[in-house]
Amino acid sequence: MGRVTGFLDDDQTGSDDTEYALFNARLLLKHGAQISAEAIAGGWREEIVSASNTYKGAGFSEMLAIRNLQEGLRPPQSGRHLHAWSDGLAMRVAPFGIVAAGRPELAARLAEMDGSVTHAGEGIFAGQAVAAAIARAMEGTSVDRIVDAALGVIPPDSWTSAGIQKAVNIGAKSPTSGAPSIRSIRRPSAPHISGPTSLPKLSLLRSVSSPPPAGISAKPCSEE
């Protein structure tokens, strides 16, 4: 652990998760908490789908959504495709949790609007859970409250909810490492990049006795 120095260079680099998270941050700066699914879709069409943009998108679920947007579909139809269950939304919702610090329901609502552009079902639930967890974690609160926030915004009978609950229970019994719980929670037939199979990393939090570090200072985004 420690500061990352080994693979950095002067050339522009990043990942689709980084790019989409920064894209969401920019949309929030422009629209605030009043942002809508249609405004998010408009941003995708203007800044990602646009032929003049050097960034053409990445992530298999996002690429299918881009194709739907190019064909004129609007959310939520644009997010309904064969790979709508991926963890792509969960990887980009951190800005929603940050601006909605202390308000997990707002964070989940923002994530749902964003997710309707590219995802559906479990893919959206996973994104909502992460956004809500981040919003609660921004208060510097306990791990239990962070997990409760994640579970409180998604259907209790969802695959995502079941995965989180099983993972954190196993993690609580593994004081030295949550790695075994991550392996045991995944369905053998499920891709490792599906939303529900990515969230068992929460079990690592339950295997640590001390609370997580407090979030950075930030002014929560007003809904007005």
Foldseek 3Di string as FASTA:
>chain_A
DDDDDDDDDDDDDDDLLVVLLVLVLVLCVVQNLQDALQSLLVSCVVAALDPPHPHNGDDVLVVQLSVVVVVPDGFLVSQDDDQQQFQSLLSRLLSLLQLLAPNLQSSLVVSLSPSSSRHDDNNSLLNSLNSQLSSDLLAVDALVVSNCSSLVNHDCPGLLNVLCVQLLVVLLVQLPASVVSLVVSDDPPDDCRGSSSVPSVSSRRNSYPDGDGHHDDDHHTDPD
